[in-house]
Amino acid sequence: MSKIIFALLFLLLSGYTYCLGCTTAIVSGKFTPDGRPLLFKHRDTSFEQNRLMYFDDGKYTYIGLVNSADLEGREIWAGFNSAGFAIINSESYNLNVGDTTRLRDMEGILMKKALQQCSNVDEFSEFLDRYEKPAGVRANFGVIDAQGGAAYFETGNYGYKKIDVNDQAIAPFGYLIRTNFSATGVPDAGYGYIRYETARILFANAAAADRLTPRFMLQEVSRSLYHSLTGVDLYQDIPEDERAHFVFFEDFIPRNSSVATTVIQGVLPGEPAGLTTMWTIPGFQLATIALPVWITADGRLPRVVTAGRENVAPLCDLGLSLKAKCFPVKRGSGKRYLNLSALINRKGTGIIQKILPLEQKILYEGENVLESWRKSKFSDSEAIQFYDWLDDTILNGYRECFGTPQ
């Protein structure tokens, strides 16, 4: 017993829990301004390099967020398919408690299989019913579909609990949030309680103002510098200039371990599933801009989010080069200390201050092209043309802002 206690203490003190976590949410289409459901994942992991991949290896074609080192895309960490079914996850550390099953960390494989096979929430439930046990997972899987379905599945090795976000008795304000514990798991176990409370406050304020939108999640949740336990809001403590200004940076929604964000926007019942949109930040959220993608007939995607040099997505790589300025202290506990002046300062030269105008332009044009398709129909050629414009605009924009070469 003493050896077990010592091992746990060592893991805690060595920062093992630092990289645990994701912050996720599902919003029912009944409570969004345009009636379309939203699926949100702010991803935290030790794999910093992320990219998008297109797949045609199942019943449905699909786009998934993968670790760049996963050359064949064996694991998906957020994605959607041509039927309008979408899935995300957050690992849950209060499920499978006491379970000695050795098989684990199979969430990405399960999500890939679900995207290959499932067209809606009910089919995902049936998929889990017949999935081989033990599943090797402990996760809150969030799913939406083209018929307005929206639910969390708190899933362990041998079973799951479905939590319907469209049920107002369960989700009275039309949304649910999950970090790294499950509502049906062991009470007070798991992680992410501070991040959960931060997200709860942000979502409550946005819901009251009818602002549960992709922009809100991308720009205000994934880049929130508010800490619900201490009450600190770093946006209210902006450094005067570019001189180093370090702050302790733990248990905010974005962290040193944050690597990507996806907001999958579903469709209205009756709309073509092909209008399902993945708004994504494919890199460190405080230094990488958001953009939209759709499934095209030939699987084309913007080259800034797909495999480039050394199998790395160029946009993710650009964000990581800027992240290094945010966390310049590499030794000891340096990763827990953010150089806030690199992000924001009163001279207006911070990373967020520079990338935001570029991102606003990208999101504005993306929203316009999506709205035009809703009034007519999705166009592969227009999507590819938009992707080409995205690539040029983003790479040129980063070069102009930071002197980064293409």
Protein backbone atom coordinates (compact mmCIF):
# COMPACT_ATOMS: atom_id res chain seq x y z
CA MET A 1 0.00 0.00 0.00
CA SER A 2 2.82 2.42 0.89
CA LYS A 3 4.39 1.79 -2.52
CA ILE A 4 1.10 2.61 -4.27
CA ILE A 5 0.71 5.84 -2.29
CA PHE A 6 4.29 6.82 -3.08
CA ALA A 7 3.73 6.15 -6.79
CA LEU A 8 0.59 8.28 -6.84
CA LEU A 9 2.36 11.13 -5.07
CA PHE A 10 5.23 10.91 -7.52
CA LEU A 11 2.88 11.12 -10.49
CA LEU A 12 1.10 14.11 -9.02
CA LEU A 13 4.28 15.97 -8.18
CA SER A 14 5.88 15.17 -11.51
CA GLY A 15 3.00 16.80 -13.36
CA TYR A 16 1.28 13.64 -14.59
CA THR A 17 -2.16 15.16 -14.18
CA TYR A 18 -1.14 18.27 -16.09
CA CYS A 19 -1.93 16.82 -19.51
CA LEU A 20 -5.17 15.17 -18.51
CA GLY A 21 -8.22 16.76 -19.94
CA CYS A 22 -10.58 18.07 -22.55
CA THR A 23 -13.47 20.47 -22.22
CA THR A 24 -16.57 19.59 -24.26
CA ALA A 25 -20.18 20.63 -24.71
CA ILE A 26 -23.28 19.79 -26.72
CA VAL A 27 -25.95 22.36 -27.53
CA SER A 28 -29.40 21.31 -28.71
CA GLY A 29 -30.56 22.96 -31.92
CA LYS A 30 -33.64 24.06 -29.99
CA PHE A 31 -31.45 26.56 -28.13
CA THR A 32 -29.07 27.90 -30.78
CA PRO A 33 -29.87 31.14 -32.64
CA ASP A 34 -30.21 29.35 -36.00
CA GLY A 35 -31.73 26.07 -34.77
CA ARG A 36 -28.71 23.91 -35.62
CA PRO A 37 -27.05 21.69 -32.95
CA LEU A 38 -23.44 22.24 -31.93
CA LEU A 39 -20.78 19.81 -30.76
CA PHE A 40 -17.74 21.38 -29.06
CA LYS A 41 -14.39 19.91 -28.07
CA HIS A 42 -11.40 21.77 -26.67
CA ARG A 43 -8.71 19.11 -26.85
CA ASP A 44 -5.87 18.62 -24.38
CA THR A 45 -3.25 15.96 -24.90
CA SER A 46 0.49 15.38 -25.00
CA PHE A 47 0.31 15.16 -28.83
CA GLU A 48 0.86 18.75 -29.92
CA GLN A 49 0.73 18.19 -33.67
CA ASN A 50 -2.80 17.76 -35.04
CA ARG A 51 -4.16 17.65 -38.57
CA LEU A 52 -7.33 16.78 -40.47
CA MET A 53 -7.80 13.73 -42.68
CA TYR A 54 -10.50 12.63 -45.12
CA PHE A 55 -11.53 8.97 -45.21
CA ASP A 56 -13.58 6.79 -47.56
CA ASP A 57 -12.97 3.46 -45.82
CA GLY A 58 -16.46 2.93 -44.40
CA LYS A 59 -20.16 3.06 -45.19
CA TYR A 60 -19.88 6.86 -45.00
CA THR A 61 -17.07 9.21 -45.95
CA TYR A 62 -15.81 11.35 -43.08
CA ILE A 63 -13.35 13.95 -41.86
CA GLY A 64 -11.48 13.43 -38.60
CA LEU A 65 -8.98 15.20 -36.37
CA VAL A 66 -5.93 12.98 -35.91
CA ASN A 67 -2.53 13.09 -34.25
CA SER A 68 -0.07 14.01 -37.00
CA ALA A 69 2.11 11.04 -36.10
CA ASP A 70 -0.83 8.72 -36.85
CA LEU A 71 0.02 8.41 -40.53
CA GLU A 72 -2.88 6.15 -41.46
CA GLY A 73 -5.48 7.84 -39.29
CA ARG A 74 -6.22 4.83 -37.11
CA GLU A 75 -7.64 7.01 -34.33
CA ILE A 76 -10.10 9.90 -34.66
CA TRP A 77 -10.41 12.49 -31.88
CA ALA A 78 -13.30 14.51 -33.34
CA GLY A 79 -15.10 14.20 -36.65
CA PHE A 80 -18.23 14.04 -38.78
CA ASN A 81 -19.43 11.97 -41.71
CA SER A 82 -21.43 12.37 -44.91
CA ALA A 83 -24.65 11.34 -43.13
CA GLY A 84 -24.34 14.34 -40.79
CA PHE A 85 -23.36 12.22 -37.79
CA ALA A 86 -20.62 13.79 -35.63
CA ILE A 87 -18.70 12.62 -32.58
CA ILE A 88 -16.26 13.95 -29.98
CA ASN A 89 -15.03 12.68 -26.61
CA SER A 90 -13.51 13.64 -23.31
CA GLU A 91 -11.78 11.02 -21.23
CA SER A 92 -13.61 10.32 -17.97
CA TYR A 93 -11.55 9.41 -14.94
CA ASN A 94 -14.43 8.41 -12.67
CA LEU A 95 -15.62 5.53 -14.87
CA ASN A 96 -14.20 1.99 -14.72
CA VAL A 97 -13.11 2.67 -11.14
CA GLY A 98 -11.84 -0.61 -9.70
CA ASP A 99 -11.90 -2.29 -13.12
CA THR A 100 -8.68 -4.26 -13.67
CA THR A 101 -9.14 -4.59 -17.44
CA ARG A 102 -5.81 -4.00 -19.13
CA LEU A 103 -7.26 -2.89 -22.47
CA ARG A 104 -7.52 0.92 -22.45
CA ASP A 105 -7.13 4.13 -24.48
CA MET A 106 -9.24 2.78 -27.35
CA GLU A 107 -11.49 5.84 -27.61
CA GLY A 108 -10.00 7.05 -30.90
CA ILE A 109 -10.47 3.67 -32.53
CA LEU A 110 -14.07 3.47 -31.35
CA MET A 111 -14.84 6.93 -32.74
CA LYS A 112 -13.34 6.04 -36.11
CA LYS A 113 -15.52 2.94 -36.33
CA ALA A 114 -18.59 4.97 -35.35
CA LEU A 115 -17.95 7.49 -38.14
CA GLN A 116 -17.57 4.64 -40.61
CA GLN A 117 -20.89 3.06 -39.65
CA CYS A 118 -23.34 5.38 -37.88
CA SER A 119 -25.77 7.85 -39.40
CA ASN A 120 -27.54 9.07 -36.26
CA VAL A 121 -27.67 9.01 -32.48
CA ASP A 122 -29.86 5.90 -32.32
CA GLU A 123 -27.48 3.96 -34.52
CA PHE A 124 -24.60 4.99 -32.27
CA SER A 125 -26.50 3.56 -29.31
CA GLU A 126 -26.95 0.29 -31.20
CA PHE A 127 -23.28 0.43 -32.20
CA LEU A 128 -22.26 0.61 -28.52
CA ASP A 129 -24.66 -2.23 -27.65
CA ARG A 130 -22.92 -4.61 -30.03
CA TYR A 131 -19.38 -3.28 -29.54
CA GLU A 132 -16.96 -5.92 -28.28
CA LYS A 133 -16.54 -5.90 -24.49
CA PRO A 134 -14.46 -4.86 -22.70
CA ALA A 135 -14.36 -1.81 -24.94
CA GLY A 136 -11.15 -0.38 -23.51
CA VAL A 137 -12.72 3.06 -23.06
CA ARG A 138 -13.71 5.45 -20.29
CA ALA A 139 -15.19 8.47 -21.97
CA ASN A 140 -17.96 10.95 -22.42
CA PHE A 141 -18.79 10.53 -26.10
CA GLY A 142 -20.77 13.45 -27.49
CA VAL A 143 -22.79 12.96 -30.69
CA ILE A 144 -25.18 14.91 -32.90
CA ASP A 145 -26.93 14.00 -36.14
CA ALA A 146 -28.75 15.51 -39.12
CA GLN A 147 -32.17 14.89 -37.55
CA GLY A 148 -31.48 17.10 -34.54
CA GLY A 149 -30.32 14.31 -32.25
CA ALA A 150 -27.87 15.34 -29.54
CA ALA A 151 -26.63 13.24 -26.63
CA TYR A 152 -23.75 12.30 -24.38
CA PHE A 153 -22.91 8.62 -23.87
CA GLU A 154 -20.96 8.16 -20.63
CA THR A 155 -19.21 4.95 -21.59
CA GLY A 156 -17.06 2.45 -19.74
CA ASN A 157 -15.68 -0.97 -20.54
CA TYR A 158 -18.98 -2.83 -20.18
CA GLY A 159 -21.79 -0.33 -20.62
CA TYR A 160 -22.93 3.24 -21.07
CA LYS A 161 -25.50 5.76 -19.94
CA LYS A 162 -27.19 7.91 -22.58
CA ILE A 163 -27.94 11.51 -21.61
CA ASP A 164 -30.25 13.26 -24.07
CA VAL A 165 -29.44 16.95 -24.52
CA ASN A 166 -32.86 17.50 -26.12
CA ASP A 167 -34.56 16.46 -22.87
CA GLN A 168 -35.25 19.71 -21.01
CA ALA A 169 -35.67 17.81 -17.76
CA ILE A 170 -31.98 16.91 -18.09
CA ALA A 171 -30.70 19.97 -19.95
CA PRO A 172 -33.11 22.79 -19.04
CA PHE A 173 -31.05 25.42 -20.85
CA GLY A 174 -30.44 23.30 -23.92
CA TYR A 175 -26.81 22.35 -23.38
CA LEU A 176 -24.62 20.03 -21.36
CA ILE A 177 -20.91 20.30 -20.54
CA ARG A 178 -18.43 17.53 -19.80
CA THR A 179 -14.78 17.72 -18.84
CA ASN A 180 -12.97 14.73 -17.35
CA PHE A 181 -15.59 13.22 -15.14
CA SER A 182 -19.01 11.72 -15.79
CA ALA A 183 -22.27 12.60 -14.07
CA THR A 184 -22.98 8.87 -13.72
CA GLY A 185 -19.48 8.01 -12.46
CA VAL A 186 -18.02 7.85 -8.96
CA PRO A 187 -18.87 11.15 -7.21
CA ASP A 188 -16.03 13.64 -6.66
CA ALA A 189 -13.57 11.51 -8.63
CA GLY A 190 -12.04 12.43 -11.97
CA TYR A 191 -10.63 15.75 -13.14
CA GLY A 192 -11.67 19.03 -14.69
CA TYR A 193 -14.07 20.36 -12.05
CA ILE A 194 -12.62 23.88 -12.19
CA ARG A 195 -12.73 23.91 -15.99
CA TYR A 196 -16.28 22.59 -15.86
CA GLU A 197 -17.35 25.47 -13.62
CA THR A 198 -15.59 27.98 -15.86
CA ALA A 199 -17.38 26.59 -18.93
CA ARG A 200 -20.69 26.53 -17.04
CA ILE A 201 -20.41 30.25 -16.28
CA LEU A 202 -19.40 31.10 -19.84
CA PHE A 203 -22.22 29.05 -21.37
CA ALA A 204 -24.82 30.41 -18.96
CA ASN A 205 -23.93 33.98 -19.86
CA ALA A 206 -23.95 33.21 -23.57
CA ALA A 207 -27.26 31.35 -23.37
CA ALA A 208 -28.89 34.30 -21.60
CA ALA A 209 -27.83 36.52 -24.51
CA ASP A 210 -28.79 33.96 -27.19
CA ARG A 211 -25.15 33.63 -28.26
CA LEU A 212 -24.57 29.88 -28.27
CA THR A 213 -22.74 29.95 -31.60
CA PRO A 214 -19.56 28.50 -33.12
CA ARG A 215 -17.83 31.88 -32.75
CA PHE A 216 -18.61 31.97 -29.04
CA MET A 217 -17.08 28.54 -28.49
CA LEU A 218 -14.04 29.12 -30.68
CA GLN A 219 -13.17 32.60 -29.52
CA GLU A 220 -14.59 32.97 -26.02
CA VAL A 221 -14.49 29.46 -24.55
CA SER A 222 -11.33 28.01 -26.09
CA ARG A 223 -9.52 31.31 -25.51
CA SER A 224 -11.03 32.12 -22.14
CA LEU A 225 -8.51 33.43 -19.61
CA TYR A 226 -11.01 33.30 -16.74
CA HIS A 227 -10.43 31.02 -13.75
CA SER A 228 -13.64 30.12 -11.93
CA LEU A 229 -11.99 29.13 -8.64
CA THR A 230 -9.76 32.17 -8.13
CA GLY A 231 -11.95 34.64 -9.98
CA VAL A 232 -8.94 35.81 -12.00
CA ASP A 233 -9.56 37.05 -15.53
CA LEU A 234 -6.25 37.66 -17.26
CA TYR A 235 -7.92 39.84 -19.89
CA GLN A 236 -8.45 42.32 -17.05
CA ASP A 237 -4.73 42.30 -16.18
CA ILE A 238 -3.22 43.27 -19.52
CA PRO A 239 0.53 44.02 -19.37
CA GLU A 240 1.64 47.50 -20.38
CA ASP A 241 4.08 46.39 -23.06
CA GLU A 242 5.95 43.41 -24.50
CA ARG A 243 8.26 42.90 -21.53
CA ALA A 244 7.89 39.44 -20.01
CA HIS A 245 4.96 39.22 -17.60
CA PHE A 246 4.58 35.72 -16.18
CA VAL A 247 1.40 34.36 -14.60
CA PHE A 248 0.64 30.96 -13.09
CA PHE A 249 -1.43 29.18 -15.73
CA GLU A 250 -3.15 26.09 -14.39
CA ASP A 251 -6.77 24.88 -14.66
CA PHE A 252 -7.85 27.46 -17.22
CA ILE A 253 -9.73 26.00 -20.19
CA PRO A 254 -6.75 26.66 -22.50
CA ARG A 255 -3.51 25.29 -21.04
CA ASN A 256 -0.03 24.34 -22.09
CA SER A 257 -1.48 20.94 -23.04
CA SER A 258 -4.22 22.39 -25.28
CA VAL A 259 -3.76 21.33 -28.88
CA ALA A 260 -6.93 21.82 -30.97
CA THR A 261 -10.59 22.81 -30.93
CA THR A 262 -13.50 21.64 -33.05
CA VAL A 263 -17.05 22.95 -33.21
CA ILE A 264 -19.19 20.76 -35.43
CA GLN A 265 -22.31 22.59 -36.56
CA GLY A 266 -25.15 20.33 -37.60
CA VAL A 267 -28.03 21.03 -39.95
CA LEU A 268 -31.70 21.79 -39.57
CA PRO A 269 -33.99 18.75 -39.92
CA GLY A 270 -34.57 18.40 -43.64
CA GLU A 271 -31.42 20.25 -44.68
CA PRO A 272 -28.79 18.31 -46.67
CA ALA A 273 -26.35 16.55 -44.37
CA GLY A 274 -23.57 17.84 -46.64
CA LEU A 275 -23.94 21.26 -45.05
CA THR A 276 -22.61 19.91 -41.75
CA THR A 277 -19.63 22.10 -40.94
CA MET A 278 -16.54 21.54 -38.81
CA TRP A 279 -15.17 24.83 -37.52
CA THR A 280 -11.71 23.98 -36.27
CA ILE A 281 -8.62 25.42 -34.64
CA PRO A 282 -6.06 22.76 -35.58
CA GLY A 283 -3.41 23.78 -33.08
CA PHE A 284 -2.67 25.67 -29.86
CA GLN A 285 -5.82 27.77 -29.50
CA LEU A 286 -4.18 30.95 -28.21
CA ALA A 287 -1.98 31.21 -31.30
CA THR A 288 -3.87 29.45 -34.12
CA ILE A 289 -6.86 30.73 -36.07
CA ALA A 290 -10.15 28.95 -36.77
CA LEU A 291 -11.48 27.90 -40.16
CA PRO A 292 -14.38 25.81 -41.57
CA VAL A 293 -14.26 22.55 -43.54
CA TRP A 294 -16.84 20.43 -45.34
CA ILE A 295 -16.82 17.01 -47.00
CA THR A 296 -16.18 17.31 -50.73
CA ALA A 297 -16.62 14.58 -53.35
CA ASP A 298 -12.89 14.15 -53.83
CA GLY A 299 -11.97 14.59 -50.17
CA ARG A 300 -10.09 17.84 -50.69
CA LEU A 301 -9.23 19.86 -47.59
CA PRO A 302 -7.25 23.08 -47.06
CA ARG A 303 -3.55 22.23 -47.21
CA VAL A 304 -2.90 24.32 -44.08
CA VAL A 305 -4.70 21.67 -42.00
CA THR A 306 -3.48 18.52 -43.76
CA ALA A 307 -0.14 16.71 -43.90
CA GLY A 308 2.63 18.90 -45.22
CA ARG A 309 6.34 18.90 -44.51
CA GLU A 310 7.24 16.00 -42.20
CA ASN A 311 3.54 15.08 -42.06
CA VAL A 312 2.77 18.26 -40.11
CA ALA A 313 -0.16 20.60 -40.78
CA PRO A 314 1.33 24.03 -41.64
CA LEU A 315 -1.20 25.99 -39.59
CA CYS A 316 -0.67 23.83 -36.51
CA ASP A 317 3.07 24.26 -36.91
CA LEU A 318 2.72 28.06 -37.15
CA GLY A 319 0.69 28.09 -33.95
CA LEU A 320 3.27 25.98 -32.13
CA SER A 321 6.08 28.33 -33.13
CA LEU A 322 4.11 31.14 -31.47
CA LYS A 323 3.23 28.98 -28.47
CA ALA A 324 6.95 28.82 -27.69
CA LYS A 325 6.83 32.56 -27.01
CA CYS A 326 3.98 32.03 -24.53
CA PHE A 327 5.87 29.35 -22.57
CA PRO A 328 9.56 30.24 -23.00
CA VAL A 329 10.68 28.60 -19.73
CA LYS A 330 11.40 24.96 -20.58
CA ARG A 331 13.05 23.67 -17.42
CA GLY A 332 11.37 22.64 -14.18
CA SER A 333 7.78 23.83 -13.86
CA GLY A 334 8.14 26.40 -16.64
CA LYS A 335 5.21 24.95 -18.62
CA ARG A 336 2.88 26.15 -15.87
CA TYR A 337 3.86 29.80 -16.33
CA LEU A 338 2.43 31.83 -19.20
CA ASN A 339 4.16 34.92 -20.56
CA LEU A 340 0.93 36.91 -20.76
CA SER A 341 2.50 39.85 -22.57
CA ALA A 342 3.23 37.59 -25.54
CA LEU A 343 -0.52 37.05 -25.89
CA ILE A 344 -1.95 40.46 -25.00
CA ASN A 345 -0.51 43.83 -24.09
CA ARG A 346 -1.60 47.44 -24.14
CA LYS A 347 0.55 48.15 -27.19
CA GLY A 348 -1.68 45.75 -29.16
CA THR A 349 1.20 43.59 -30.32
CA GLY A 350 0.19 40.33 -28.61
CA ILE A 351 -0.40 37.13 -30.54
CA ILE A 352 -4.15 37.07 -29.98
CA GLN A 353 -4.40 40.74 -30.89
CA LYS A 354 -2.61 40.10 -34.18
CA ILE A 355 -4.43 36.93 -35.26
CA LEU A 356 -7.96 38.01 -34.35
CA PRO A 357 -8.53 40.34 -37.35
CA LEU A 358 -7.31 37.58 -39.69
CA GLU A 359 -9.59 35.05 -38.02
CA GLN A 360 -12.58 37.41 -38.18
CA LYS A 361 -12.05 37.67 -41.93
CA ILE A 362 -11.85 33.88 -42.29
CA LEU A 363 -14.98 33.26 -40.21
CA TYR A 364 -16.93 36.01 -41.98
CA GLU A 365 -16.18 34.58 -45.41
CA GLY A 366 -16.88 31.05 -44.22
CA GLU A 367 -20.24 32.05 -42.81
CA ASN A 368 -21.11 33.82 -46.07
CA VAL A 369 -20.30 30.87 -48.30
CA LEU A 370 -22.18 28.50 -45.98
CA GLU A 371 -25.24 30.75 -45.98
CA SER A 372 -25.20 30.87 -49.79
CA TRP A 373 -25.26 27.06 -49.92
CA ARG A 374 -28.15 26.94 -47.49
CA LYS A 375 -30.14 29.07 -49.92
CA SER A 376 -29.16 26.99 -52.96
CA LYS A 377 -27.04 23.85 -52.57
CA PHE A 378 -23.54 22.77 -51.59
CA SER A 379 -20.97 23.20 -54.35
CA ASP A 380 -17.78 21.13 -54.44
CA SER A 381 -16.10 23.55 -56.81
CA GLU A 382 -16.94 26.52 -54.60
CA ALA A 383 -15.68 24.68 -51.52
CA ILE A 384 -12.36 23.91 -53.23
CA GLN A 385 -12.08 27.49 -54.43
CA PHE A 386 -12.71 28.64 -50.86
CA TYR A 387 -10.05 26.25 -49.55
CA ASP A 388 -7.50 27.68 -51.99
CA TRP A 389 -8.38 31.18 -50.81
CA LEU A 390 -8.04 30.03 -47.19
CA ASP A 391 -4.56 28.64 -47.76
CA ASP A 392 -3.28 31.82 -49.38
CA THR A 393 -5.01 34.15 -46.90
CA ILE A 394 -3.81 32.30 -43.80
CA LEU A 395 -0.20 31.78 -44.87
CA ASN A 396 0.13 35.34 -46.14
CA GLY A 397 -1.62 36.67 -43.06
CA TYR A 398 0.73 34.91 -40.65
CA ARG A 399 3.73 36.08 -42.62
CA GLU A 400 2.52 39.67 -42.48
CA CYS A 401 1.76 39.46 -38.75
CA PHE A 402 4.82 37.55 -37.57
CA GLY A 403 7.28 37.46 -40.44
CA THR A 404 6.68 33.71 -40.75
CA PRO A 405 7.78 32.29 -44.11
CA GLN A 406 5.35 30.22 -46.18
